[in-house]
PDB file of N, CA and C in Angstrom:
ATOM      1  N   UNK A   1     -19.494   5.516  45.561  1.00  0.00           N
ATOM      2  CA  UNK A   1     -18.683   6.508  45.153  1.00  0.00           C
ATOM      3  C   UNK A   1     -17.775   5.989  44.093  1.00  0.00           C
ATOM      4  N   UNK A   2     -17.262   4.278  44.399  1.00  0.00           N
ATOM      5  CA  UNK A   2     -16.117   3.552  43.688  1.00  0.00           C
ATOM      6  C   UNK A   2     -17.010   3.260  42.198  1.00  0.00           C
ATOM      7  N   UNK A   3     -18.220   3.092  42.284  1.00  0.00           N
ATOM      8  CA  UNK A   3     -18.848   3.247  40.712  1.00  0.00           C
ATOM      9  C   UNK A   3     -18.960   4.321  40.042  1.00  0.00           C
ATOM     10  N   UNK A   4     -18.723   5.607  40.771  1.00  0.00           N
ATOM     11  CA  UNK A   4     -18.501   6.781  39.603  1.00  0.00           C
ATOM     12  C   UNK A   4     -17.451   7.011  39.108  1.00  0.00           C
ATOM     13  N   UNK A   5     -16.179   6.544  39.733  1.00  0.00           N
ATOM     14  CA  UNK A   5     -15.274   6.516  38.862  1.00  0.00           C
ATOM     15  C   UNK A   5     -14.760   5.606  38.122  1.00  0.00           C
ATOM     16  N   UNK A   6     -15.229   4.245  38.114  1.00  0.00           N
ATOM     17  CA  UNK A   6     -15.249   3.540  36.827  1.00  0.00           C
ATOM     18  C   UNK A   6     -16.042   3.595  35.775  1.00  0.00           C
ATOM     19  N   UNK A   7     -16.993   4.592  35.766  1.00  0.00           N
ATOM     20  CA  UNK A   7     -17.717   4.267  34.898  1.00  0.00           C
ATOM     21  C   UNK A   7     -17.247   5.062  33.383  1.00  0.00           C
ATOM     22  N   UNK A   8     -17.700   4.747  32.517  1.00  0.00           N
ATOM     23  CA  UNK A   8     -16.758   5.199  31.539  1.00  0.00           C
ATOM     24  C   UNK A   8     -17.428   6.992  31.232  1.00  0.00           C
ATOM     25  N   UNK A   9     -16.613   7.663  31.171  1.00  0.00           N
ATOM     26  CA  UNK A   9     -16.893   9.365  31.069  1.00  0.00           C
ATOM     27  C   UNK A   9     -16.715   9.240  29.486  1.00  0.00           C
ATOM     28  N   UNK A  10     -17.951   9.805  28.752  1.00  0.00           N
ATOM     29  CA  UNK A  10     -18.052  10.201  27.579  1.00  0.00           C
ATOM     30  C   UNK A  10     -17.758   9.634  26.614  1.00  0.00           C
ATOM     31  N   UNK A  11     -17.706   8.217  26.759  1.00  0.00           N
ATOM     32  CA  UNK A  11     -16.945   7.177  25.779  1.00  0.00           C
ATOM     33  C   UNK A  11     -18.132   7.156  24.572  1.00  0.00           C
ATOM     34  N   UNK A  12     -19.231   7.268  24.752  1.00  0.00           N
ATOM     35  CA  UNK A  12     -20.193   7.024  23.873  1.00  0.00           C
ATOM     36  C   UNK A  12     -20.427   8.069  23.069  1.00  0.00           C
ATOM     37  N   UNK A  13     -20.064   9.493  23.340  1.00  0.00           N
ATOM     38  CA  UNK A  13     -20.269  10.615  22.534  1.00  0.00           C
ATOM     39  C   UNK A  13     -19.134  10.706  21.711  1.00  0.00           C
ATOM     40  N   UNK A  14     -17.641  10.141  21.673  1.00  0.00           N
ATOM     41  CA  UNK A  14     -16.825   9.905  21.041  1.00  0.00           C
ATOM     42  C   UNK A  14     -16.790   9.334  19.789  1.00  0.00           C
ATOM     43  N   UNK A  15     -16.278   9.547  18.872  1.00  0.00           N
ATOM     44  CA  UNK A  15     -16.423   9.079  17.568  1.00  0.00           C
ATOM     45  C   UNK A  15     -15.488   7.754  17.475  1.00  0.00           C
ATOM     46  N   UNK A  16     -16.080   6.652  17.236  1.00  0.00           N
ATOM     47  CA  UNK A  16     -15.093   5.741  16.704  1.00  0.00           C
ATOM     48  C   UNK A  16     -14.425   5.165  16.013  1.00  0.00           C
ATOM     49  N   UNK A  17     -13.039   5.063  16.100  1.00  0.00           N
ATOM     50  CA  UNK A  17     -12.058   4.807  15.280  1.00  0.00           C
ATOM     51  C   UNK A  17     -12.129   3.935  14.269  1.00  0.00           C
ATOM     52  N   UNK A  18     -11.461   4.658  12.900  1.00  0.00           N
ATOM     53  CA  UNK A  18     -12.321   3.406  11.767  1.00  0.00           C
ATOM     54  C   UNK A  18     -10.616   2.451  12.247  1.00  0.00           C
ATOM     55  N   UNK A  19     -11.180   1.096  11.591  1.00  0.00           N
ATOM     56  CA  UNK A  19     -10.499  -0.153  11.867  1.00  0.00           C
ATOM     57  C   UNK A  19      -9.346   0.411  10.341  1.00  0.00           C
ATOM     58  N   UNK A  20      -8.140  -0.679  10.660  1.00  0.00           N
ATOM     59  CA  UNK A  20      -7.173  -0.405   9.384  1.00  0.00           C
ATOM     60  C   UNK A  20      -8.422  -1.175   8.150  1.00  0.00           C
ATOM     61  N   UNK A  21      -8.935  -2.038   8.417  1.00  0.00           N
ATOM     62  CA  UNK A  21      -9.681  -2.810   7.363  1.00  0.00           C
ATOM     63  C   UNK A  21     -10.609  -1.911   6.806  1.00  0.00           C
ATOM     64  N   UNK A  22     -11.286  -1.092   7.353  1.00  0.00           N
ATOM     65  CA  UNK A  22     -12.223  -0.449   6.589  1.00  0.00           C
ATOM     66  C   UNK A  22     -11.551   0.702   6.248  1.00  0.00           C
ATOM     67  N   UNK A  23     -10.408   1.236   6.506  1.00  0.00           N
ATOM     68  CA  UNK A  23     -10.046   2.295   6.036  1.00  0.00           C
ATOM     69  C   UNK A  23      -8.705   1.794   4.720  1.00  0.00           C
ATOM     70  N   UNK A  24      -8.345   0.482   4.616  1.00  0.00           N
ATOM     71  CA  UNK A  24      -8.030   0.164   3.601  1.00  0.00           C
ATOM     72  C   UNK A  24      -8.939  -0.236   2.330  1.00  0.00           C
ATOM     73  N   UNK A  25      -9.881  -0.727   2.525  1.00  0.00           N
ATOM     74  CA  UNK A  25     -10.907  -1.350   1.725  1.00  0.00           C
ATOM     75  C   UNK A  25     -11.422  -0.076   0.939  1.00  0.00           C
ATOM     76  N   UNK A  26     -11.489   1.140   1.887  1.00  0.00           N
ATOM     77  CA  UNK A  26     -12.284   2.609   0.958  1.00  0.00           C
ATOM     78  C   UNK A  26     -11.095   2.975   0.228  1.00  0.00           C
ATOM     79  N   UNK A  27      -9.917   2.736   0.717  1.00  0.00           N
ATOM     80  CA  UNK A  27      -8.590   3.167  -0.045  1.00  0.00           C
ATOM     81  C   UNK A  27      -8.360   2.363  -1.394  1.00  0.00           C
ATOM     82  N   UNK A  28      -9.150   1.328  -1.192  1.00  0.00           N
ATOM     83  CA  UNK A  28      -9.039   0.382  -2.430  1.00  0.00           C
ATOM     84  C   UNK A  28      -9.871   0.947  -3.601  1.00  0.00           C
ATOM     85  N   UNK A  29     -10.905   1.755  -3.310  1.00  0.00           N
ATOM     86  CA  UNK A  29     -11.601   2.576  -3.892  1.00  0.00           C
ATOM     87  C   UNK A  29     -10.907   3.497  -5.229  1.00  0.00           C
ATOM     88  N   UNK A  30      -9.771   4.224  -4.089  1.00  0.00           N
ATOM     89  CA  UNK A  30      -9.192   5.340  -4.828  1.00  0.00           C
ATOM     90  C   UNK A  30      -8.103   4.781  -5.770  1.00  0.00           C
ATOM     91  N   UNK A  31      -8.272   5.309  -7.098  1.00  0.00           N
ATOM     92  CA  UNK A  31      -6.839   4.724  -8.157  1.00  0.00           C
ATOM     93  C   UNK A  31      -5.533   5.049  -7.358  1.00  0.00           C
ATOM     94  N   UNK A  32      -5.505   6.425  -7.003  1.00  0.00           N
ATOM     95  CA  UNK A  32      -4.270   6.836  -5.978  1.00  0.00           C
ATOM     96  C   UNK A  32      -3.733   6.200  -5.197  1.00  0.00           C
ATOM     97  N   UNK A  33      -4.425   5.873  -4.271  1.00  0.00           N
ATOM     98  CA  UNK A  33      -4.083   5.327  -3.438  1.00  0.00           C
ATOM     99  C   UNK A  33      -3.602   3.552  -3.562  1.00  0.00           C
ATOM    100  N   UNK A  34      -4.449   3.084  -4.393  1.00  0.00           N
ATOM    101  CA  UNK A  34      -3.596   1.762  -4.987  1.00  0.00           C
ATOM    102  C   UNK A  34      -2.628   2.063  -5.833  1.00  0.00           C
ATOM    103  N   UNK A  35      -2.374   3.141  -6.515  1.00  0.00           N
ATOM    104  CA  UNK A  35      -0.666   3.500  -7.449  1.00  0.00           C
ATOM    105  C   UNK A  35       0.177   3.263  -6.362  1.00  0.00           C
ATOM    106  N   UNK A  36      -0.325   4.053  -5.029  1.00  0.00           N
ATOM    107  CA  UNK A  36       0.663   4.390  -3.920  1.00  0.00           C
ATOM    108  C   UNK A  36       1.163   3.280  -3.389  1.00  0.00           C
ATOM    109  N   UNK A  37       0.176   2.186  -2.827  1.00  0.00           N
ATOM    110  CA  UNK A  37       0.466   1.166  -2.171  1.00  0.00           C
ATOM    111  C   UNK A  37       1.828   0.559  -3.505  1.00  0.00           C
ATOM    112  N   UNK A  38       1.278   0.266  -4.915  1.00  0.00           N
ATOM    113  CA  UNK A  38       1.792  -0.280  -5.546  1.00  0.00           C
ATOM    114  C   UNK A  38       3.557   0.397  -5.277  1.00  0.00           C
ATOM    115  N   UNK A  39       3.709   1.629  -5.973  1.00  0.00           N
ATOM    116  CA  UNK A  39       4.832   1.789  -5.562  1.00  0.00           C
ATOM    117  C   UNK A  39       5.429   1.362  -4.426  1.00  0.00           C
ATOM    118  N   UNK A  40       4.574   1.527  -3.349  1.00  0.00           N
ATOM    119  CA  UNK A  40       5.582   1.423  -1.827  1.00  0.00           C
ATOM    120  C   UNK A  40       6.341  -0.202  -2.229  1.00  0.00           C
ATOM    121  N   UNK A  41       5.411  -0.927  -2.645  1.00  0.00           N
ATOM    122  CA  UNK A  41       5.822  -2.290  -2.730  1.00  0.00           C
ATOM    123  C   UNK A  41       7.314  -2.730  -3.857  1.00  0.00           C
ATOM    124  N   UNK A  42       7.033  -1.607  -4.810  1.00  0.00           N
ATOM    125  CA  UNK A  42       8.012  -1.693  -5.916  1.00  0.00           C
ATOM    126  C   UNK A  42       9.221  -1.113  -5.300  1.00  0.00           C
ATOM    127  N   UNK A  43       9.334   0.112  -4.622  1.00  0.00           N
ATOM    128  CA  UNK A  43      10.139   0.434  -3.831  1.00  0.00           C
ATOM    129  C   UNK A  43      11.082  -0.751  -3.317  1.00  0.00           C
ATOM    130  N   UNK A  44      10.174  -0.703  -1.873  1.00  0.00           N
ATOM    131  CA  UNK A  44      10.918  -2.047  -1.193  1.00  0.00           C
ATOM    132  C   UNK A  44      11.569  -3.413  -1.961  1.00  0.00           C
ATOM    133  N   UNK A  45      11.210  -3.651  -3.367  1.00  0.00           N
ATOM    134  CA  UNK A  45      11.376  -4.913  -3.696  1.00  0.00           C
ATOM    135  C   UNK A  45      13.141  -4.689  -4.817  1.00  0.00           C
ATOM    136  N   UNK A  46      12.954  -2.806  -5.268  1.00  0.00           N
ATOM    137  CA  UNK A  46      13.971  -2.853  -5.712  1.00  0.00           C
ATOM    138  C   UNK A  46      15.316  -2.122  -4.548  1.00  0.00           C
ATOM    139  N   UNK A  47      15.105  -1.813  -3.794  1.00  0.00           N
ATOM    140  CA  UNK A  47      15.756  -1.338  -2.388  1.00  0.00           C
ATOM    141  C   UNK A  47      16.396  -2.866  -1.745  1.00  0.00           C
ATOM    142  N   UNK A  48      15.547  -3.891  -1.932  1.00  0.00           N
ATOM    143  CA  UNK A  48      15.903  -5.141  -1.028  1.00  0.00           C
ATOM    144  C   UNK A  48      15.344  -4.558   0.595  1.00  0.00           C
ATOM    145  N   UNK A  49      14.151  -4.063   0.367  1.00  0.00           N
ATOM    146  CA  UNK A  49      13.621  -4.009   1.934  1.00  0.00           C
ATOM    147  C   UNK A  49      12.315  -5.012   2.148  1.00  0.00           C
ATOM    148  N   UNK A  50      12.180  -4.981   3.742  1.00  0.00           N
ATOM    149  CA  UNK A  50      10.583  -5.669   3.566  1.00  0.00           C
ATOM    150  C   UNK A  50       9.326  -4.951   3.122  1.00  0.00           C
ATOM    151  N   UNK A  51       9.799  -3.550   3.885  1.00  0.00           N
ATOM    152  CA  UNK A  51       8.754  -2.529   3.807  1.00  0.00           C
ATOM    153  C   UNK A  51       8.621  -0.882   3.455  1.00  0.00           C
ATOM    154  N   UNK A  52       8.215  -0.686   2.577  1.00  0.00           N
ATOM    155  CA  UNK A  52       8.390   1.155   2.540  1.00  0.00           C
ATOM    156  C   UNK A  52       7.282   1.884   2.691  1.00  0.00           C
ATOM    157  N   UNK A  53       7.191   2.948   3.450  1.00  0.00           N
ATOM    158  CA  UNK A  53       6.304   3.745   3.703  1.00  0.00           C
ATOM    159  C   UNK A  53       5.786   4.640   2.261  1.00  0.00           C
ATOM    160  N   UNK A  54       4.780   5.412   2.579  1.00  0.00           N
ATOM    161  CA  UNK A  54       4.292   6.329   1.391  1.00  0.00           C
ATOM    162  C   UNK A  54       5.110   7.306   0.989  1.00  0.00           C
ATOM    163  N   UNK A  55       5.615   7.779   2.398  1.00  0.00           N
ATOM    164  CA  UNK A  55       6.569   9.154   2.560  1.00  0.00           C
ATOM    165  C   UNK A  55       8.036   8.450   2.710  1.00  0.00           C
ATOM    166  N   UNK A  56       8.244   7.541   2.424  1.00  0.00           N
ATOM    167  CA  UNK A  56      10.178   7.175   2.766  1.00  0.00           C
ATOM    168  C   UNK A  56      10.414   7.453   1.428  1.00  0.00           C
ATOM    169  N   UNK A  57      11.947   8.147   1.660  1.00  0.00           N
ATOM    170  CA  UNK A  57      12.874   8.686   0.067  1.00  0.00           C
ATOM    171  C   UNK A  57      13.656   7.562  -0.364  1.00  0.00           C
ATOM    172  N   UNK A  58      12.850   7.291  -1.471  1.00  0.00           N
ATOM    173  CA  UNK A  58      14.272   6.928  -1.989  1.00  0.00           C
ATOM    174  C   UNK A  58      15.401   6.608  -2.262  1.00  0.00           C
ATOM    175  N   UNK A  59      15.836   7.774  -2.036  1.00  0.00           N
ATOM    176  CA  UNK A  59      17.599   8.099  -2.053  1.00  0.00           C
ATOM    177  C   UNK A  59      17.784   8.091  -0.482  1.00  0.00           C
ATOM    178  N   UNK A  60      16.968   8.464   0.340  1.00  0.00           N
ATOM    179  CA  UNK A  60      17.474   8.353   1.926  1.00  0.00           C
ATOM    180  C   UNK A  60      17.619   6.895   1.792  1.00  0.00           C
ATOM    181  N   UNK A  61      16.735   5.835   1.448  1.00  0.00           N
ATOM    182  CA  UNK A  61      16.769   4.886   1.640  1.00  0.00           C
ATOM    183  C   UNK A  61      17.939   3.923   1.149  1.00  0.00           C
ATOM    184  N   UNK A  62      18.832   4.579   0.581  1.00  0.00           N
ATOM    185  CA  UNK A  62      19.763   4.058  -0.089  1.00  0.00           C
ATOM    186  C   UNK A  62      19.536   3.951  -1.708  1.00  0.00           C
ATOM    187  N   UNK A  63      18.696   4.295  -2.130  1.00  0.00           N
ATOM    188  CA  UNK A  63      18.337   4.406  -3.956  1.00  0.00           C
ATOM    189  C   UNK A  63      19.439   5.210  -4.624  1.00  0.00           C
ATOM    190  N   UNK A  64      20.253   4.487  -6.002  1.00  0.00           N
ATOM    191  CA  UNK A  64      21.101   5.229  -6.520  1.00  0.00           C
ATOM    192  C   UNK A  64      20.319   4.685  -7.979  1.00  0.00           C
ATOM    193  N   UNK A  65      21.452   5.517  -9.305  1.00  0.00           N
ATOM    194  CA  UNK A  65      20.984   5.595 -10.387  1.00  0.00           C
ATOM    195  C   UNK A  65      20.502   4.305 -10.765  1.00  0.00           C
ATOM    196  N   UNK A  66      21.291   3.145 -10.762  1.00  0.00           N
ATOM    197  CA  UNK A  66      20.950   1.664 -11.451  1.00  0.00           C
ATOM    198  C   UNK A  66      20.237   1.361 -10.339  1.00  0.00           C
ATOM    199  N   UNK A  67      19.396   2.007  -9.005  1.00  0.00           N
ATOM    200  CA  UNK A  67      18.444   1.255  -8.565  1.00  0.00           C
ATOM    201  C   UNK A  67      17.517   1.905  -9.352  1.00  0.00           C
ATOM    202  N   UNK A  68      17.545   3.295  -9.616  1.00  0.00           N
ATOM    203  CA  UNK A  68      16.227   3.951 -10.517  1.00  0.00           C
ATOM    204  C   UNK A  68      16.025   3.608 -11.835  1.00  0.00           C
ATOM    205  N   UNK A  69      16.884   3.389 -12.162  1.00  0.00           N
ATOM    206  CA  UNK A  69      16.532   2.921 -13.834  1.00  0.00           C
ATOM    207  C   UNK A  69      15.613   1.043 -13.619  1.00  0.00           C
ATOM    208  N   UNK A  70      15.983   0.746 -12.590  1.00  0.00           N
ATOM    209  CA  UNK A  70      15.598  -0.900 -12.008  1.00  0.00           C
ATOM    210  C   UNK A  70      13.857  -0.423 -11.771  1.00  0.00           C
ATOM    211  N   UNK A  71      13.679   0.530 -11.198  1.00  0.00           N
ATOM    212  CA  UNK A  71      12.351   0.607 -10.283  1.00  0.00           C
ATOM    213  C   UNK A  71      11.779   1.359 -12.114  1.00  0.00           C
ATOM    214  N   UNK A  72      12.467   2.295 -12.255  1.00  0.00           N
ATOM    215  CA  UNK A  72      11.837   2.655 -13.915  1.00  0.00           C
ATOM    216  C   UNK A  72      11.043   1.638 -15.057  1.00  0.00           C
ATOM    217  N   UNK A  73      12.387   0.683 -15.150  1.00  0.00           N
ATOM    218  CA  UNK A  73      11.791  -0.731 -15.790  1.00  0.00           C
ATOM    219  C   UNK A  73      10.540  -0.831 -15.196  1.00  0.00           C
ATOM    220  N   UNK A  74      10.736  -1.539 -13.713  1.00  0.00           N
ATOM    221  CA  UNK A  74       9.224  -1.888 -13.282  1.00  0.00           C
ATOM    222  C   UNK A  74       8.390  -1.707 -12.915  1.00  0.00           C
ATOM    223  N   UNK A  75       7.657  -0.185 -12.904  1.00  0.00           N
ATOM    224  CA  UNK A  75       7.429   0.893 -12.755  1.00  0.00           C
ATOM    225  C   UNK A  75       6.410   1.139 -14.646  1.00  0.00           C
ATOM    226  N   UNK A  76       7.322   0.707 -15.207  1.00  0.00           N
ATOM    227  CA  UNK A  76       6.273   0.507 -16.658  1.00  0.00           C
ATOM    228  C   UNK A  76       5.896  -0.700 -16.894  1.00  0.00           C
ATOM    229  N   UNK A  77       6.416  -2.249 -16.455  1.00  0.00           N
ATOM    230  CA  UNK A  77       6.190  -3.243 -16.573  1.00  0.00           C
ATOM    231  C   UNK A  77       4.848  -3.278 -15.461  1.00  0.00           C
ATOM    232  N   UNK A  78       4.854  -2.919 -14.381  1.00  0.00           N
ATOM    233  CA  UNK A  78       3.420  -3.211 -13.674  1.00  0.00           C
ATOM    234  C   UNK A  78       2.472  -2.117 -13.645  1.00  0.00           C
ATOM    235  N   UNK A  79       2.670  -0.920 -13.600  1.00  0.00           N
ATOM    236  CA  UNK A  79       1.358   0.054 -13.784  1.00  0.00           C
ATOM    237  C   UNK A  79       1.668   0.409 -15.386  1.00  0.00           C
ATOM    238  N   UNK A  80       2.433   0.336 -16.184  1.00  0.00           N
ATOM    239  CA  UNK A  80       1.685   0.873 -17.450  1.00  0.00           C
ATOM    240  C   UNK A  80       2.151   1.998 -17.692  1.00  0.00           C
ATOM    241  N   UNK A  81       2.941   2.865 -16.957  1.00  0.00           N
ATOM    242  CA  UNK A  81       2.908   4.098 -17.203  1.00  0.00           C
ATOM    243  C   UNK A  81       4.511   4.594 -17.002  1.00  0.00           C
ATOM    244  N   UNK A  82       4.962   5.552 -17.709  1.00  0.00           N
ATOM    245  CA  UNK A  82       6.337   5.925 -18.264  1.00  0.00           C
ATOM    246  C   UNK A  82       7.037   6.497 -16.742  1.00  0.00           C
ATOM    247  N   UNK A  83       8.283   6.280 -16.588  1.00  0.00           N
ATOM    248  CA  UNK A  83       8.835   7.359 -15.170  1.00  0.00           C
ATOM    249  C   UNK A  83      10.197   7.068 -15.724  1.00  0.00           C
ATOM    250  N   UNK A  84      10.820   8.130 -15.624  1.00  0.00           N
ATOM    251  CA  UNK A  84      12.046   8.892 -16.004  1.00  0.00           C
ATOM    252  C   UNK A  84      12.875   8.789 -14.359  1.00  0.00           C
ATOM    253  N   UNK A  85      14.089   8.394 -14.939  1.00  0.00           N
ATOM    254  CA  UNK A  85      15.109   8.483 -14.108  1.00  0.00           C
ATOM    255  C   UNK A  85      14.866  10.148 -12.996  1.00  0.00           C
ATOM    256  N   UNK A  86      14.813  10.567 -14.096  1.00  0.00           N
ATOM    257  CA  UNK A  86      14.796  12.380 -13.479  1.00  0.00           C
ATOM    258  C   UNK A  86      13.429  12.283 -12.565  1.00  0.00           C
ATOM    259  N   UNK A  87      12.179  12.017 -12.861  1.00  0.00           N
ATOM    260  CA  UNK A  87      10.981  12.037 -12.273  1.00  0.00           C
ATOM    261  C   UNK A  87      11.433  11.131 -10.534  1.00  0.00           C
ATOM    262  N   UNK A  88      11.766  10.459 -10.889  1.00  0.00           N
ATOM    263  CA  UNK A  88      12.387   9.763  -9.019  1.00  0.00           C
ATOM    264  C   UNK A  88      13.146  10.455  -8.393  1.00  0.00           C
ATOM    265  N   UNK A  89      14.101  11.069  -8.808  1.00  0.00           N
ATOM    266  CA  UNK A  89      14.664  11.960  -8.298  1.00  0.00           C
ATOM    267  C   UNK A  89      14.141  13.435  -7.906  1.00  0.00           C
ATOM    268  N   UNK A  90      12.869  13.897  -8.898  1.00  0.00           N
ATOM    269  CA  UNK A  90      12.288  15.455  -8.446  1.00  0.00           C
ATOM    270  C   UNK A  90      11.400  14.265  -7.168  1.00  0.00           C
ATOM    271  N   UNK A  91      10.413  13.672  -7.285  1.00  0.00           N
ATOM    272  CA  UNK A  91       9.742  12.892  -6.669  1.00  0.00           C
ATOM    273  C   UNK A  91      10.003  11.667  -5.886  1.00  0.00           C
ATOM    274  N   UNK A  92      11.027  11.395  -5.061  1.00  0.00           N
ATOM    275  CA  UNK A  92      11.584  10.487  -4.287  1.00  0.00           C
ATOM    276  C   UNK A  92      10.349   9.640  -3.635  1.00  0.00           C
ATOM    277  N   UNK A  93       9.527  10.028  -3.346  1.00  0.00           N
ATOM    278  CA  UNK A  93       8.656   9.034  -2.006  1.00  0.00           C
ATOM    279  C   UNK A  93       7.476   8.381  -3.133  1.00  0.00           C
ATOM    280  N   UNK A  94       6.523   7.388  -3.018  1.00  0.00           N
ATOM    281  CA  UNK A  94       5.589   6.780  -3.122  1.00  0.00           C
ATOM    282  C   UNK A  94       4.745   7.850  -3.383  1.00  0.00           C
ATOM    283  N   UNK A  95       4.223   8.177  -2.287  1.00  0.00           N
ATOM    284  CA  UNK A  95       3.272   9.407  -2.275  1.00  0.00           C
ATOM    285  C   UNK A  95       3.147  10.575  -3.191  1.00  0.00           C
ATOM    286  N   UNK A  96       4.399  11.075  -3.791  1.00  0.00           N
ATOM    287  CA  UNK A  96       4.405  12.268  -3.994  1.00  0.00           C
ATOM    288  C   UNK A  96       4.667  11.494  -5.785  1.00  0.00           C
ATOM    289  N   UNK A  97       5.627  10.414  -5.982  1.00  0.00           N
ATOM    290  CA  UNK A  97       5.825   9.739  -7.286  1.00  0.00           C
ATOM    291  C   UNK A  97       4.210   9.500  -7.396  1.00  0.00           C
ATOM    292  N   UNK A  98       3.263   9.053  -7.194  1.00  0.00           N
ATOM    293  CA  UNK A  98       1.971   8.220  -7.126  1.00  0.00           C
ATOM    294  C   UNK A  98       1.157   9.628  -8.082  1.00  0.00           C
ATOM    295  N   UNK A  99       1.529  10.994  -7.379  1.00  0.00           N
ATOM    296  CA  UNK A  99       0.567  11.981  -7.659  1.00  0.00           C
ATOM    297  C   UNK A  99       1.079  12.375  -8.579  1.00  0.00           C
ATOM    298  N   UNK A 100       2.418  12.244  -9.089  1.00  0.00           N
ATOM    299  CA  UNK A 100       3.079  12.662  -9.698  1.00  0.00           C
ATOM    300  C   UNK A 100       2.329  11.897 -11.279  1.00  0.00           C
ATOM    301  N   UNK A 101       2.596  10.553 -11.301  1.00  0.00           N
ATOM    302  CA  UNK A 101       2.013   9.754 -12.280  1.00  0.00           C
ATOM    303  C   UNK A 101       0.847   9.804 -12.862  1.00  0.00           C
ATOM    304  N   UNK A 102      -0.041  10.590 -12.002  1.00  0.00           N
ATOM    305  CA  UNK A 102      -1.674  10.522 -12.365  1.00  0.00           C
ATOM    306  C   UNK A 102      -1.889  10.846 -14.062  1.00  0.00           C
ATOM    307  N   UNK A 103      -1.125  11.745 -14.739  1.00  0.00           N
ATOM    308  CA  UNK A 103      -1.221  12.223 -15.657  1.00  0.00           C
ATOM    309  C   UNK A 103      -0.409  11.273 -16.749  1.00  0.00           C
ATOM    310  N   UNK A 104       0.970  10.297 -16.537  1.00  0.00           N
ATOM    311  CA  UNK A 104       1.938  10.495 -16.937  1.00  0.00           C
ATOM    312  C   UNK A 104       1.505   9.092 -18.041  1.00  0.00           C
ATOM    313  N   UNK A 105       2.296   9.490 -19.295  1.00  0.00           N
ATOM    314  CA  UNK A 105       2.487   8.868 -20.437  1.00  0.00           C
ATOM    315  C   UNK A 105       2.108   7.356 -20.450  1.00  0.00           C
ATOM    316  N   UNK A 106       0.949   6.719 -20.883  1.00  0.00           N
ATOM    317  CA  UNK A 106       1.190   5.118 -21.072  1.00  0.00           C
ATOM    318  C   UNK A 106       1.912   4.247 -21.481  1.00  0.00           C
ATOM    319  N   UNK A 107       2.708   3.611 -21.064  1.00  0.00           N
ATOM    320  CA  UNK A 107       3.892   2.999 -21.624  1.00  0.00           C
ATOM    321  C   UNK A 107       3.135   2.116 -22.725  1.00  0.00           C
ATOM    322  N   UNK A 108       4.035   1.921 -23.433  1.00  0.00           N
ATOM    323  CA  UNK A 108       4.004   0.754 -24.714  1.00  0.00           C
ATOM    324  C   UNK A 108       4.724  -0.621 -24.395  1.00  0.00           C
ATOM    325  N   UNK A 109       4.519  -1.407 -24.359  1.00  0.00           N
ATOM    326  CA  UNK A 109       4.788  -2.665 -23.709  1.00  0.00           C
ATOM    327  C   UNK A 109       5.422  -3.265 -25.089  1.00  0.00           C
ATOM    328  N   UNK A 110       4.713  -3.327 -26.142  1.00  0.00           N
ATOM    329  CA  UNK A 110       5.289  -3.806 -27.354  1.00  0.00           C
ATOM    330  C   UNK A 110       6.077  -2.447 -28.347  1.00  0.00           C
ATOM    331  N   UNK A 111       7.302  -2.928 -28.696  1.00  0.00           N
ATOM    332  CA  UNK A 111       7.622  -1.785 -29.570  1.00  0.00           C
ATOM    333  C   UNK A 111       7.322  -1.624 -30.754  1.00  0.00           C
ATOM    334  N   UNK A 112       6.610  -3.030 -31.342  1.00  0.00           N
ATOM    335  CA  UNK A 112       5.480  -2.964 -32.575  1.00  0.00           C
ATOM    336  C   UNK A 112       4.812  -1.981 -32.564  1.00  0.00           C
ATOM    337  N   UNK A 113       4.265  -1.653 -31.348  1.00  0.00           N
ATOM    338  CA  UNK A 113       2.827  -1.592 -30.924  1.00  0.00           C
ATOM    339  C   UNK A 113       2.626  -0.265 -31.077  1.00  0.00           C
ATOM    340  N   UNK A 114       3.571   0.792 -31.872  1.00  0.00           N
ATOM    341  CA  UNK A 114       3.040   1.951 -32.082  1.00  0.00           C
ATOM    342  C   UNK A 114       1.987   2.472 -33.468  1.00  0.00           C
ATOM    343  N   UNK A 115       1.759   3.739 -33.593  1.00  0.00           N
ATOM    344  CA  UNK A 115       0.972   3.925 -34.619  1.00  0.00           C
ATOM    345  C   UNK A 115       1.589   3.355 -35.824  1.00  0.00           C
ATOM    346  N   UNK A 116       0.024   2.945 -36.741  1.00  0.00           N
ATOM    347  CA  UNK A 116       0.649   2.344 -38.191  1.00  0.00           C
ATOM    348  C   UNK A 116       0.508   3.332 -39.218  1.00  0.00           C
ATOM    349  N   UNK A 117       1.431   3.688 -40.366  1.00  0.00           N
ATOM    350  CA  UNK A 117       0.996   4.099 -40.998  1.00  0.00           C
ATOM    351  C   UNK A 117       0.909   3.588 -41.974  1.00  0.00           C
TER     352      UNK A 117
END
């Protein structure tokens, strides 16, 4: 009878949970996930935090207009897209901002790189 109590009950029928490594590798295939992770890292850098999650709010973490300006410049440099300070106040989490930036205009890194007449 002790053997029956210690036997696994239906464990073989349960789905095996995905490991973090596997899900991270799959996420790397999706551009939105890559951008979201980059935004998390940039938020943390600007706010002086060790880590920021995708649903952490920039303003709730202590973000202000000067930090928003710094983040906007970093996003332009690192991701190559334009981000206004207003965008950051309207979409204050890395996840929401990543979604918003999907169709954002590309940033021109060199002011001399505009259309030539």
